[in-house]
Amino acid sequence: MRVVIAEDAVLLREGVQRLLADDGIDTVAAVDSGDALVEAVAEHRPDLAIVDVRMPPTFTDEGLRAALRARERVPGLAVLVLSQYVEETYAVQLLSGPEGGVGYLLKERVADVAEFCAAVRRVASGGSAIDPEVVSQLLARGRRDPLDALTARESEVLGLMAQGLTNTAIATRLVVSHGAVEKHVRNIFTKLGLEPGDIEHRRVRAVLTYLGR
């Protein structure tokens, strides 16, 4: 079996690679960004891609979006997401794909090496391996207002955005740094499922979601 790993944390990337090697699984590429994942998959056409969700440059959902792009390049590519987070919007697209094995495991809950390697082989063979917590959150997603996913601070930032305040003005109002506001805004876009593109366009869509609640 041939695997590509996409994980920006060096120790974890090398650790997973060693675990797989001990189980007789060959890692043909180990990369640290979404773009590199797509290139590696196109070049090596592996049996499986193991992908983290949050990678450079914004550390939001690059891994999942890259996995979806990789599947467009190599239809039927098996993908196992191994992450600390449940990123719901793109996870739904990945898990509902028409073909190829798929898995979504939370790092903190992977405690048994044998079970992890079994999950890797199962997904590579076209099966599935979904953490129960992921299933729970995705089921709850369909029953709730998308704004419910926002933290109290993110809701406050979105409310100020709806008033027409710029990021600089919001930072002044909340007495926080400009960088902190930018981080909150990125999180708002991600949680509302607003795909990357023109910042102002996404800002308007976020405000419309808020006003239409």
N, C-alpha and C. Protein backbone atom coordinates (compact mmCIF):
# COMPACT_ATOMS: atom_id res chain seq x y z
N MET A 1 0.84 -1.20 0.00
CA MET A 1 0.00 0.00 0.00
C MET A 1 0.88 1.25 0.00
N ARG A 2 0.47 2.26 -0.76
CA ARG A 2 1.24 3.49 -0.90
C ARG A 2 0.41 4.68 -0.39
N VAL A 3 1.04 5.48 0.47
CA VAL A 3 0.32 6.55 1.16
C VAL A 3 1.04 7.89 1.00
N VAL A 4 0.25 8.97 0.92
CA VAL A 4 0.77 10.33 1.00
C VAL A 4 0.24 10.94 2.29
N ILE A 5 1.13 11.59 3.05
CA ILE A 5 0.75 12.23 4.31
C ILE A 5 0.86 13.74 4.16
N ALA A 6 -0.18 14.46 4.58
CA ALA A 6 -0.15 15.93 4.59
C ALA A 6 -0.39 16.40 6.01
N GLU A 7 0.67 16.87 6.65
CA GLU A 7 0.62 17.29 8.06
C GLU A 7 1.74 18.30 8.29
N ASP A 8 1.40 19.49 8.82
CA ASP A 8 2.41 20.53 8.96
C ASP A 8 3.29 20.35 10.20
N ALA A 9 2.84 19.57 11.19
CA ALA A 9 3.64 19.32 12.38
C ALA A 9 4.66 18.23 12.09
N VAL A 10 5.93 18.59 12.12
CA VAL A 10 7.00 17.66 11.71
C VAL A 10 7.00 16.38 12.53
N LEU A 11 6.92 16.51 13.86
CA LEU A 11 6.99 15.32 14.71
C LEU A 11 5.83 14.38 14.45
N LEU A 12 4.64 14.93 14.30
CA LEU A 12 3.48 14.08 14.03
C LEU A 12 3.57 13.45 12.65
N ARG A 13 4.02 14.23 11.68
CA ARG A 13 4.16 13.71 10.31
C ARG A 13 5.13 12.53 10.29
N GLU A 14 6.27 12.70 10.95
CA GLU A 14 7.26 11.62 10.97
C GLU A 14 6.79 10.45 11.83
N GLY A 15 6.05 10.76 12.89
CA GLY A 15 5.54 9.70 13.75
C GLY A 15 4.55 8.80 13.02
N VAL A 16 3.63 9.42 12.29
CA VAL A 16 2.66 8.63 11.53
C VAL A 16 3.36 7.80 10.47
N GLN A 17 4.35 8.42 9.82
CA GLN A 17 5.11 7.71 8.79
C GLN A 17 5.79 6.47 9.37
N ARG A 18 6.35 6.59 10.57
CA ARG A 18 7.03 5.46 11.19
C ARG A 18 6.03 4.37 11.59
N LEU A 19 4.88 4.77 12.13
CA LEU A 19 3.87 3.79 12.50
C LEU A 19 3.43 2.99 11.27
N LEU A 20 3.23 3.69 10.17
CA LEU A 20 2.81 3.01 8.95
C LEU A 20 3.90 2.07 8.46
N ALA A 21 5.15 2.52 8.53
CA ALA A 21 6.26 1.69 8.07
C ALA A 21 6.35 0.40 8.88
N ASP A 22 6.12 0.51 10.18
CA ASP A 22 6.17 -0.66 11.05
C ASP A 22 5.07 -1.66 10.70
N ASP A 23 4.00 -1.16 10.05
CA ASP A 23 2.90 -2.03 9.65
C ASP A 23 3.00 -2.42 8.18
N GLY A 24 4.14 -2.13 7.56
CA GLY A 24 4.36 -2.52 6.18
C GLY A 24 3.70 -1.62 5.15
N ILE A 25 3.40 -0.38 5.55
CA ILE A 25 2.75 0.57 4.64
C ILE A 25 3.77 1.60 4.20
N ASP A 26 3.89 1.82 2.91
CA ASP A 26 4.91 2.69 2.33
C ASP A 26 4.39 4.12 2.16
N THR A 27 5.09 5.09 2.76
CA THR A 27 4.76 6.51 2.57
C THR A 27 5.58 7.03 1.40
N VAL A 28 4.92 7.36 0.30
CA VAL A 28 5.64 7.81 -0.91
C VAL A 28 5.91 9.30 -0.89
N ALA A 29 5.18 10.05 -0.04
CA ALA A 29 5.42 11.49 0.09
C ALA A 29 4.85 11.95 1.42
N ALA A 30 5.56 12.86 2.09
CA ALA A 30 5.09 13.46 3.33
C ALA A 30 5.27 14.97 3.18
N VAL A 31 4.17 15.71 3.16
CA VAL A 31 4.21 17.13 2.83
C VAL A 31 3.59 17.96 3.95
N ASP A 32 3.76 19.29 3.86
CA ASP A 32 3.29 20.16 4.94
C ASP A 32 2.32 21.24 4.49
N SER A 33 1.73 21.09 3.32
CA SER A 33 0.76 22.09 2.86
C SER A 33 -0.27 21.45 1.93
N GLY A 34 -1.39 22.15 1.75
CA GLY A 34 -2.43 21.63 0.88
C GLY A 34 -2.01 21.55 -0.57
N ASP A 35 -1.34 22.59 -1.04
CA ASP A 35 -0.88 22.58 -2.44
C ASP A 35 0.07 21.43 -2.70
N ALA A 36 0.98 21.19 -1.74
CA ALA A 36 1.93 20.10 -1.90
C ALA A 36 1.22 18.75 -1.89
N LEU A 37 0.13 18.65 -1.14
CA LEU A 37 -0.65 17.41 -1.14
C LEU A 37 -1.20 17.12 -2.53
N VAL A 38 -1.81 18.13 -3.14
CA VAL A 38 -2.41 17.94 -4.46
C VAL A 38 -1.34 17.51 -5.47
N GLU A 39 -0.18 18.17 -5.41
CA GLU A 39 0.91 17.83 -6.33
C GLU A 39 1.41 16.41 -6.10
N ALA A 40 1.55 16.02 -4.82
CA ALA A 40 2.06 14.68 -4.50
C ALA A 40 1.09 13.60 -4.94
N VAL A 41 -0.20 13.85 -4.76
CA VAL A 41 -1.21 12.87 -5.17
C VAL A 41 -1.21 12.72 -6.69
N ALA A 42 -1.11 13.84 -7.39
CA ALA A 42 -1.09 13.78 -8.85
C ALA A 42 0.14 13.04 -9.37
N GLU A 43 1.26 13.22 -8.66
CA GLU A 43 2.51 12.59 -9.10
C GLU A 43 2.56 11.10 -8.75
N HIS A 44 2.19 10.76 -7.53
CA HIS A 44 2.38 9.38 -7.06
C HIS A 44 1.13 8.50 -7.19
N ARG A 45 -0.05 9.11 -7.29
CA ARG A 45 -1.31 8.37 -7.36
C ARG A 45 -1.35 7.26 -6.30
N PRO A 46 -1.34 7.66 -5.04
CA PRO A 46 -1.27 6.69 -3.93
C PRO A 46 -2.61 5.98 -3.71
N ASP A 47 -2.57 4.98 -2.86
CA ASP A 47 -3.81 4.28 -2.48
C ASP A 47 -4.61 5.11 -1.49
N LEU A 48 -3.92 5.97 -0.74
CA LEU A 48 -4.57 6.72 0.34
C LEU A 48 -3.82 8.02 0.61
N ALA A 49 -4.59 9.06 0.95
CA ALA A 49 -4.01 10.32 1.44
C ALA A 49 -4.47 10.50 2.88
N ILE A 50 -3.50 10.70 3.78
CA ILE A 50 -3.80 11.00 5.18
C ILE A 50 -3.59 12.50 5.37
N VAL A 51 -4.64 13.20 5.79
CA VAL A 51 -4.64 14.66 5.72
C VAL A 51 -5.05 15.30 7.03
N ASP A 52 -4.31 16.33 7.44
CA ASP A 52 -4.72 17.17 8.56
C ASP A 52 -5.66 18.25 8.02
N VAL A 53 -6.52 18.79 8.87
CA VAL A 53 -7.48 19.82 8.43
C VAL A 53 -6.82 21.19 8.33
N ARG A 54 -6.15 21.61 9.38
CA ARG A 54 -5.63 22.97 9.46
C ARG A 54 -4.15 23.01 9.15
N MET A 55 -3.82 23.63 8.01
CA MET A 55 -2.43 23.75 7.58
C MET A 55 -2.17 25.16 7.08
N PRO A 56 -0.90 25.51 6.80
CA PRO A 56 -0.59 26.85 6.31
C PRO A 56 -1.34 27.14 5.00
N PRO A 57 -1.63 28.41 4.69
CA PRO A 57 -1.15 29.59 5.42
C PRO A 57 -2.10 30.10 6.50
N THR A 58 -3.39 29.76 6.46
CA THR A 58 -4.34 30.35 7.40
C THR A 58 -4.72 29.43 8.55
N PHE A 59 -4.34 28.16 8.46
CA PHE A 59 -4.64 27.19 9.51
C PHE A 59 -6.14 27.13 9.83
N THR A 60 -6.95 27.06 8.78
CA THR A 60 -8.39 26.91 8.97
C THR A 60 -8.87 25.57 8.41
N ASP A 61 -8.98 25.50 7.08
CA ASP A 61 -9.53 24.27 6.48
C ASP A 61 -8.78 23.85 5.22
N GLU A 62 -7.50 24.30 5.11
CA GLU A 62 -6.73 24.03 3.89
C GLU A 62 -6.64 22.54 3.57
N GLY A 63 -6.48 21.71 4.60
CA GLY A 63 -6.31 20.28 4.36
C GLY A 63 -7.51 19.64 3.69
N LEU A 64 -8.70 19.96 4.20
CA LEU A 64 -9.92 19.39 3.62
C LEU A 64 -10.15 19.89 2.21
N ARG A 65 -9.93 21.18 1.99
CA ARG A 65 -10.13 21.71 0.65
C ARG A 65 -9.12 21.10 -0.32
N ALA A 66 -7.90 20.88 0.16
CA ALA A 66 -6.89 20.25 -0.69
C ALA A 66 -7.26 18.81 -1.00
N ALA A 67 -7.84 18.11 -0.02
CA ALA A 67 -8.25 16.72 -0.24
C ALA A 67 -9.33 16.65 -1.32
N LEU A 68 -10.25 17.61 -1.30
CA LEU A 68 -11.30 17.64 -2.32
C LEU A 68 -10.69 17.92 -3.71
N ARG A 69 -9.71 18.82 -3.75
CA ARG A 69 -9.03 19.11 -5.02
C ARG A 69 -8.25 17.89 -5.51
N ALA A 70 -7.62 17.19 -4.56
CA ALA A 70 -6.86 16.00 -4.92
C ALA A 70 -7.77 14.93 -5.52
N ARG A 71 -8.96 14.82 -4.99
CA ARG A 71 -9.92 13.85 -5.52
C ARG A 71 -10.39 14.22 -6.93
N GLU A 72 -10.40 15.51 -7.21
CA GLU A 72 -10.74 15.93 -8.57
C GLU A 72 -9.63 15.51 -9.53
N ARG A 73 -8.38 15.59 -9.07
CA ARG A 73 -7.24 15.20 -9.91
C ARG A 73 -7.14 13.69 -10.04
N VAL A 74 -7.44 12.98 -8.96
CA VAL A 74 -7.35 11.51 -8.95
C VAL A 74 -8.68 10.97 -8.43
N PRO A 75 -9.67 10.81 -9.31
CA PRO A 75 -10.99 10.31 -8.88
C PRO A 75 -10.88 8.97 -8.16
N GLY A 76 -11.65 8.86 -7.08
CA GLY A 76 -11.63 7.62 -6.32
C GLY A 76 -10.55 7.55 -5.27
N LEU A 77 -9.75 8.62 -5.13
CA LEU A 77 -8.69 8.64 -4.13
C LEU A 77 -9.29 8.43 -2.74
N ALA A 78 -8.74 7.48 -1.99
CA ALA A 78 -9.16 7.27 -0.61
C ALA A 78 -8.52 8.35 0.27
N VAL A 79 -9.31 8.92 1.19
CA VAL A 79 -8.82 10.00 2.04
C VAL A 79 -9.16 9.70 3.50
N LEU A 80 -8.14 9.79 4.35
CA LEU A 80 -8.35 9.66 5.79
C LEU A 80 -7.93 10.98 6.44
N VAL A 81 -8.90 11.68 6.99
CA VAL A 81 -8.62 12.93 7.70
C VAL A 81 -8.23 12.57 9.14
N LEU A 82 -7.11 13.11 9.59
CA LEU A 82 -6.62 12.88 10.95
C LEU A 82 -6.39 14.25 11.56
N SER A 83 -7.29 14.68 12.44
CA SER A 83 -7.24 16.08 12.88
C SER A 83 -7.69 16.23 14.32
N GLN A 84 -7.42 17.41 14.87
CA GLN A 84 -7.92 17.77 16.21
C GLN A 84 -9.30 18.38 16.13
N TYR A 85 -9.76 18.69 14.92
CA TYR A 85 -10.99 19.45 14.76
C TYR A 85 -11.99 18.76 13.83
N VAL A 86 -13.26 19.07 14.04
CA VAL A 86 -14.30 18.66 13.11
C VAL A 86 -14.68 19.89 12.31
N GLU A 87 -14.19 19.97 11.07
CA GLU A 87 -14.51 21.11 10.19
C GLU A 87 -15.70 20.66 9.34
N GLU A 88 -16.88 21.14 9.71
CA GLU A 88 -18.10 20.52 9.22
C GLU A 88 -18.41 20.74 7.75
N THR A 89 -18.22 21.95 7.26
CA THR A 89 -18.66 22.26 5.90
C THR A 89 -18.00 21.37 4.86
N TYR A 90 -16.68 21.36 4.83
CA TYR A 90 -15.98 20.57 3.82
C TYR A 90 -15.97 19.09 4.17
N ALA A 91 -16.12 18.77 5.46
CA ALA A 91 -16.20 17.36 5.85
C ALA A 91 -17.41 16.70 5.22
N VAL A 92 -18.52 17.42 5.19
CA VAL A 92 -19.74 16.88 4.58
C VAL A 92 -19.49 16.58 3.10
N GLN A 93 -18.83 17.50 2.39
CA GLN A 93 -18.54 17.28 0.97
C GLN A 93 -17.65 16.06 0.78
N LEU A 94 -16.66 15.93 1.65
CA LEU A 94 -15.74 14.80 1.53
C LEU A 94 -16.43 13.48 1.83
N LEU A 95 -17.18 13.45 2.93
CA LEU A 95 -17.82 12.20 3.35
C LEU A 95 -18.95 11.77 2.44
N SER A 96 -19.52 12.73 1.71
CA SER A 96 -20.63 12.39 0.81
C SER A 96 -20.17 12.19 -0.62
N GLY A 97 -18.86 12.11 -0.83
CA GLY A 97 -18.33 11.90 -2.18
C GLY A 97 -18.82 10.61 -2.78
N PRO A 98 -18.90 10.55 -4.11
CA PRO A 98 -19.50 9.40 -4.79
C PRO A 98 -18.66 8.15 -4.78
N GLU A 99 -17.35 8.27 -4.60
CA GLU A 99 -16.51 7.07 -4.67
C GLU A 99 -15.24 7.24 -3.86
N GLY A 100 -14.62 6.09 -3.54
CA GLY A 100 -13.37 6.12 -2.80
C GLY A 100 -13.60 5.99 -1.31
N GLY A 101 -12.68 5.30 -0.62
CA GLY A 101 -12.77 5.16 0.81
C GLY A 101 -12.60 6.49 1.51
N VAL A 102 -13.17 6.63 2.70
CA VAL A 102 -13.08 7.90 3.41
C VAL A 102 -13.10 7.65 4.91
N GLY A 103 -12.31 8.46 5.62
CA GLY A 103 -12.29 8.36 7.07
C GLY A 103 -12.06 9.72 7.69
N TYR A 104 -12.50 9.88 8.93
CA TYR A 104 -12.30 11.14 9.67
C TYR A 104 -12.10 10.75 11.13
N LEU A 105 -10.86 10.80 11.58
CA LEU A 105 -10.52 10.42 12.94
C LEU A 105 -9.96 11.62 13.70
N LEU A 106 -10.33 11.75 14.96
CA LEU A 106 -9.80 12.82 15.80
C LEU A 106 -8.51 12.33 16.45
N LYS A 107 -7.46 13.15 16.35
CA LYS A 107 -6.14 12.75 16.85
C LYS A 107 -6.17 12.34 18.32
N GLU A 108 -6.89 13.09 19.13
CA GLU A 108 -6.87 12.84 20.57
C GLU A 108 -7.54 11.52 20.94
N ARG A 109 -8.32 10.96 20.00
CA ARG A 109 -9.04 9.73 20.30
C ARG A 109 -8.38 8.50 19.66
N VAL A 110 -7.29 8.73 18.92
CA VAL A 110 -6.57 7.60 18.33
C VAL A 110 -5.55 7.12 19.37
N ALA A 111 -5.94 6.13 20.13
CA ALA A 111 -5.11 5.67 21.24
C ALA A 111 -4.49 4.30 20.97
N ASP A 112 -4.97 3.59 19.99
CA ASP A 112 -4.50 2.24 19.72
C ASP A 112 -3.87 2.18 18.33
N VAL A 113 -2.58 1.89 18.27
CA VAL A 113 -1.86 1.87 17.00
C VAL A 113 -2.43 0.83 16.05
N ALA A 114 -2.75 -0.35 16.58
CA ALA A 114 -3.29 -1.42 15.73
C ALA A 114 -4.62 -1.00 15.11
N GLU A 115 -5.47 -0.34 15.91
CA GLU A 115 -6.77 0.11 15.38
C GLU A 115 -6.57 1.18 14.32
N PHE A 116 -5.59 2.08 14.55
CA PHE A 116 -5.33 3.12 13.57
C PHE A 116 -4.87 2.52 12.25
N CYS A 117 -3.93 1.60 12.31
CA CYS A 117 -3.44 0.96 11.08
C CYS A 117 -4.55 0.18 10.39
N ALA A 118 -5.43 -0.43 11.18
CA ALA A 118 -6.56 -1.16 10.60
C ALA A 118 -7.49 -0.19 9.88
N ALA A 119 -7.68 1.00 10.48
CA ALA A 119 -8.52 2.01 9.85
C ALA A 119 -7.90 2.49 8.54
N VAL A 120 -6.58 2.67 8.54
CA VAL A 120 -5.86 3.08 7.34
C VAL A 120 -6.09 2.07 6.22
N ARG A 121 -5.94 0.79 6.53
CA ARG A 121 -6.12 -0.24 5.51
C ARG A 121 -7.58 -0.33 5.05
N ARG A 122 -8.50 -0.15 5.97
CA ARG A 122 -9.92 -0.22 5.62
C ARG A 122 -10.31 0.90 4.66
N VAL A 123 -9.86 2.12 4.97
CA VAL A 123 -10.19 3.26 4.10
C VAL A 123 -9.52 3.10 2.74
N ALA A 124 -8.27 2.67 2.73
CA ALA A 124 -7.55 2.48 1.46
C ALA A 124 -8.23 1.44 0.58
N SER A 125 -8.94 0.51 1.23
CA SER A 125 -9.61 -0.55 0.47
C SER A 125 -11.02 -0.15 0.02
N GLY A 126 -11.39 1.12 0.30
CA GLY A 126 -12.70 1.59 -0.13
C GLY A 126 -13.74 1.65 0.97
N GLY A 127 -13.33 1.32 2.22
CA GLY A 127 -14.25 1.36 3.34
C GLY A 127 -14.26 2.71 4.03
N SER A 128 -14.77 2.73 5.25
CA SER A 128 -14.87 3.99 5.98
C SER A 128 -14.40 3.80 7.43
N ALA A 129 -14.01 4.91 8.04
CA ALA A 129 -13.61 4.93 9.44
C ALA A 129 -13.93 6.31 9.98
N ILE A 130 -15.07 6.46 10.63
CA ILE A 130 -15.53 7.77 11.08
C ILE A 130 -15.63 7.78 12.61
N ASP A 131 -14.97 8.74 13.23
CA ASP A 131 -15.03 8.89 14.68
C ASP A 131 -16.46 9.20 15.11
N PRO A 132 -16.97 8.57 16.17
CA PRO A 132 -18.34 8.84 16.62
C PRO A 132 -18.61 10.31 16.91
N GLU A 133 -17.60 11.03 17.41
CA GLU A 133 -17.79 12.45 17.69
C GLU A 133 -18.01 13.24 16.41
N VAL A 134 -17.35 12.83 15.34
CA VAL A 134 -17.54 13.48 14.04
C VAL A 134 -18.97 13.26 13.57
N VAL A 135 -19.44 12.03 13.68
CA VAL A 135 -20.81 11.71 13.27
C VAL A 135 -21.80 12.55 14.07
N SER A 136 -21.57 12.65 15.38
CA SER A 136 -22.47 13.40 16.25
C SER A 136 -22.55 14.87 15.84
N GLN A 137 -21.40 15.47 15.58
CA GLN A 137 -21.40 16.89 15.21
C GLN A 137 -22.02 17.13 13.84
N LEU A 138 -21.79 16.22 12.91
CA LEU A 138 -22.35 16.40 11.57
C LEU A 138 -23.86 16.21 11.58
N LEU A 139 -24.36 15.30 12.42
CA LEU A 139 -25.80 15.12 12.54
C LEU A 139 -26.44 16.36 13.17
N ALA A 140 -25.76 16.91 14.18
CA ALA A 140 -26.29 18.11 14.85
C ALA A 140 -26.28 19.30 13.92
N ARG A 141 -25.34 19.32 12.98
CA ARG A 141 -25.20 20.43 12.04
C ARG A 141 -26.49 20.69 11.27
N GLY A 142 -27.15 19.61 10.88
CA GLY A 142 -28.36 19.78 10.08
C GLY A 142 -29.54 20.30 10.86
N ARG A 143 -29.41 20.33 12.21
CA ARG A 143 -30.54 20.74 13.03
C ARG A 143 -30.39 22.14 13.60
N ARG A 144 -29.25 22.79 13.36
CA ARG A 144 -29.03 24.06 14.04
C ARG A 144 -28.77 25.22 13.09
N ASP A 145 -28.98 26.40 13.62
CA ASP A 145 -28.66 27.63 12.93
C ASP A 145 -27.14 27.69 12.75
N PRO A 146 -26.64 28.01 11.55
CA PRO A 146 -25.18 28.05 11.36
C PRO A 146 -24.49 29.04 12.29
N LEU A 147 -25.21 30.07 12.72
CA LEU A 147 -24.60 31.05 13.62
C LEU A 147 -24.37 30.48 15.02
N ASP A 148 -25.03 29.35 15.32
CA ASP A 148 -24.84 28.73 16.64
C ASP A 148 -23.42 28.21 16.82
N ALA A 149 -22.71 28.00 15.70
CA ALA A 149 -21.34 27.48 15.79
C ALA A 149 -20.35 28.56 16.23
N LEU A 150 -20.77 29.84 16.17
CA LEU A 150 -19.86 30.93 16.52
C LEU A 150 -19.70 31.04 18.04
N THR A 151 -18.49 31.42 18.46
CA THR A 151 -18.27 31.71 19.86
C THR A 151 -18.92 33.05 20.19
N ALA A 152 -18.99 33.36 21.48
CA ALA A 152 -19.59 34.63 21.88
C ALA A 152 -18.84 35.81 21.27
N ARG A 153 -17.51 35.73 21.25
CA ARG A 153 -16.71 36.81 20.69
C ARG A 153 -16.90 36.91 19.18
N GLU A 154 -16.96 35.77 18.50
CA GLU A 154 -17.17 35.78 17.05
C GLU A 154 -18.54 36.37 16.71
N SER A 155 -19.54 36.06 17.52
CA SER A 155 -20.87 36.64 17.30
C SER A 155 -20.84 38.15 17.49
N GLU A 156 -20.07 38.60 18.47
CA GLU A 156 -19.94 40.03 18.72
C GLU A 156 -19.24 40.71 17.55
N VAL A 157 -18.20 40.08 17.03
CA VAL A 157 -17.49 40.64 15.88
C VAL A 157 -18.41 40.70 14.67
N LEU A 158 -19.19 39.65 14.43
CA LEU A 158 -20.10 39.64 13.29
C LEU A 158 -21.16 40.72 13.44
N GLY A 159 -21.64 40.93 14.66
CA GLY A 159 -22.62 41.99 14.89
C GLY A 159 -22.06 43.36 14.56
N LEU A 160 -20.79 43.59 14.89
CA LEU A 160 -20.14 44.87 14.58
C LEU A 160 -19.88 44.99 13.08
N MET A 161 -19.57 43.85 12.42
CA MET A 161 -19.43 43.86 10.97
C MET A 161 -20.75 44.29 10.33
N ALA A 162 -21.86 43.79 10.88
CA ALA A 162 -23.18 44.13 10.34
C ALA A 162 -23.49 45.62 10.51
N GLN A 163 -22.85 46.26 11.48
CA GLN A 163 -23.02 47.69 11.67
C GLN A 163 -22.16 48.50 10.71
N GLY A 164 -21.33 47.80 9.92
CA GLY A 164 -20.49 48.48 8.95
C GLY A 164 -19.11 48.83 9.42
N LEU A 165 -18.71 48.34 10.60
CA LEU A 165 -17.38 48.67 11.13
C LEU A 165 -16.30 47.87 10.40
N THR A 166 -15.17 48.52 10.17
CA THR A 166 -14.02 47.84 9.60
C THR A 166 -13.32 47.02 10.68
N ASN A 167 -12.37 46.19 10.28
CA ASN A 167 -11.64 45.41 11.26
C ASN A 167 -10.91 46.31 12.26
N THR A 168 -10.36 47.42 11.75
CA THR A 168 -9.65 48.35 12.62
C THR A 168 -10.61 48.96 13.65
N ALA A 169 -11.79 49.33 13.19
CA ALA A 169 -12.78 49.92 14.09
C ALA A 169 -13.27 48.90 15.11
N ILE A 170 -13.42 47.65 14.68
CA ILE A 170 -13.85 46.59 15.59
C ILE A 170 -12.79 46.36 16.66
N ALA A 171 -11.52 46.36 16.25
CA ALA A 171 -10.43 46.17 17.21
C ALA A 171 -10.44 47.28 18.27
N THR A 172 -10.68 48.51 17.81
CA THR A 172 -10.74 49.63 18.74
C THR A 172 -11.92 49.49 19.69
N ARG A 173 -13.09 49.09 19.15
CA ARG A 173 -14.29 48.95 19.97
C ARG A 173 -14.13 47.87 21.03
N LEU A 174 -13.51 46.75 20.64
CA LEU A 174 -13.38 45.62 21.57
C LEU A 174 -12.09 45.65 22.38
N VAL A 175 -11.23 46.63 22.08
CA VAL A 175 -9.95 46.78 22.76
C VAL A 175 -9.13 45.49 22.60
N VAL A 176 -8.99 45.06 21.36
CA VAL A 176 -8.15 43.90 21.03
C VAL A 176 -7.28 44.28 19.84
N SER A 177 -6.35 43.41 19.49
CA SER A 177 -5.46 43.70 18.38
C SER A 177 -6.16 43.51 17.04
N HIS A 178 -5.63 44.16 16.02
CA HIS A 178 -6.16 44.01 14.67
C HIS A 178 -6.04 42.54 14.22
N GLY A 179 -4.92 41.90 14.60
CA GLY A 179 -4.72 40.50 14.23
C GLY A 179 -5.76 39.58 14.85
N ALA A 180 -6.15 39.91 16.09
CA ALA A 180 -7.17 39.09 16.76
C ALA A 180 -8.51 39.19 16.01
N VAL A 181 -8.83 40.40 15.57
CA VAL A 181 -10.08 40.57 14.82
C VAL A 181 -10.02 39.81 13.50
N GLU A 182 -8.89 39.88 12.80
CA GLU A 182 -8.75 39.15 11.55
C GLU A 182 -8.94 37.66 11.76
N LYS A 183 -8.39 37.14 12.87
CA LYS A 183 -8.56 35.71 13.19
C LYS A 183 -10.03 35.39 13.41
N HIS A 184 -10.74 36.23 14.16
CA HIS A 184 -12.16 36.00 14.40
C HIS A 184 -12.95 36.02 13.09
N VAL A 185 -12.61 36.95 12.22
CA VAL A 185 -13.32 37.05 10.93
C VAL A 185 -13.08 35.81 10.09
N ARG A 186 -11.84 35.32 10.06
CA ARG A 186 -11.55 34.08 9.33
C ARG A 186 -12.35 32.91 9.88
N ASN A 187 -12.43 32.83 11.21
CA ASN A 187 -13.19 31.76 11.83
C ASN A 187 -14.67 31.86 11.48
N ILE A 188 -15.18 33.08 11.43
CA ILE A 188 -16.59 33.29 11.06
C ILE A 188 -16.84 32.78 9.65
N PHE A 189 -15.96 33.15 8.71
CA PHE A 189 -16.10 32.69 7.33
C PHE A 189 -16.11 31.16 7.26
N THR A 190 -15.18 30.55 7.99
CA THR A 190 -15.07 29.09 7.96
C THR A 190 -16.31 28.43 8.53
N LYS A 191 -16.77 28.90 9.68
CA LYS A 191 -17.91 28.28 10.34
C LYS A 191 -19.21 28.49 9.58
N LEU A 192 -19.30 29.56 8.81
CA LEU A 192 -20.51 29.81 8.02
C LEU A 192 -20.41 29.16 6.64
N GLY A 193 -19.30 28.46 6.38
CA GLY A 193 -19.16 27.75 5.11
C GLY A 193 -18.95 28.67 3.92
N LEU A 194 -18.35 29.84 4.16
CA LEU A 194 -18.11 30.78 3.08
C LEU A 194 -16.76 30.49 2.45
N GLU A 195 -16.77 29.99 1.23
CA GLU A 195 -15.56 29.52 0.57
C GLU A 195 -14.61 30.67 0.27
N PRO A 196 -13.31 30.35 0.22
CA PRO A 196 -12.31 31.39 -0.06
C PRO A 196 -12.60 32.12 -1.37
N GLY A 197 -12.30 33.37 -1.38
CA GLY A 197 -12.55 34.20 -2.55
C GLY A 197 -12.38 35.65 -2.15
N ASP A 198 -13.13 36.51 -2.78
CA ASP A 198 -13.07 37.93 -2.47
C ASP A 198 -13.49 38.19 -1.02
N ILE A 199 -12.62 38.85 -0.25
CA ILE A 199 -12.87 39.07 1.17
C ILE A 199 -14.14 39.89 1.38
N GLU A 200 -14.30 40.95 0.62
CA GLU A 200 -15.48 41.80 0.80
C GLU A 200 -16.76 41.05 0.48
N HIS A 201 -16.71 40.18 -0.54
CA HIS A 201 -17.89 39.40 -0.90
C HIS A 201 -18.28 38.47 0.25
N ARG A 202 -17.29 37.81 0.83
CA ARG A 202 -17.57 36.92 1.96
C ARG A 202 -18.07 37.71 3.16
N ARG A 203 -17.53 38.91 3.32
CA ARG A 203 -17.97 39.75 4.44
C ARG A 203 -19.45 40.10 4.30
N VAL A 204 -19.86 40.45 3.10
CA VAL A 204 -21.27 40.77 2.84
C VAL A 204 -22.15 39.56 3.09
N ARG A 205 -21.71 38.39 2.62
CA ARG A 205 -22.51 37.17 2.80
C ARG A 205 -22.65 36.81 4.28
N ALA A 206 -21.58 37.02 5.04
CA ALA A 206 -21.64 36.75 6.47
C ALA A 206 -22.63 37.67 7.15
N VAL A 207 -22.61 38.94 6.79
CA VAL A 207 -23.53 39.91 7.36
C VAL A 207 -24.97 39.58 6.98
N LEU A 208 -25.20 39.16 5.74
CA LEU A 208 -26.55 38.79 5.32
C LEU A 208 -27.06 37.60 6.10
N THR A 209 -26.18 36.64 6.40
CA THR A 209 -26.56 35.49 7.21
C THR A 209 -26.97 35.95 8.60
N TYR A 210 -26.21 36.89 9.15
CA TYR A 210 -26.50 37.43 10.47
C TYR A 210 -27.84 38.16 10.50
N LEU A 211 -28.07 38.99 9.50
CA LEU A 211 -29.31 39.79 9.45
C LEU A 211 -30.53 38.94 9.16
N GLY A 212 -30.30 37.82 8.45
CA GLY A 212 -31.45 36.97 8.08
C GLY A 212 -31.81 35.96 9.14
N ARG A 213 -31.14 36.00 10.28
CA ARG A 213 -31.39 35.03 11.35
C ARG A 213 -32.81 35.15 11.87
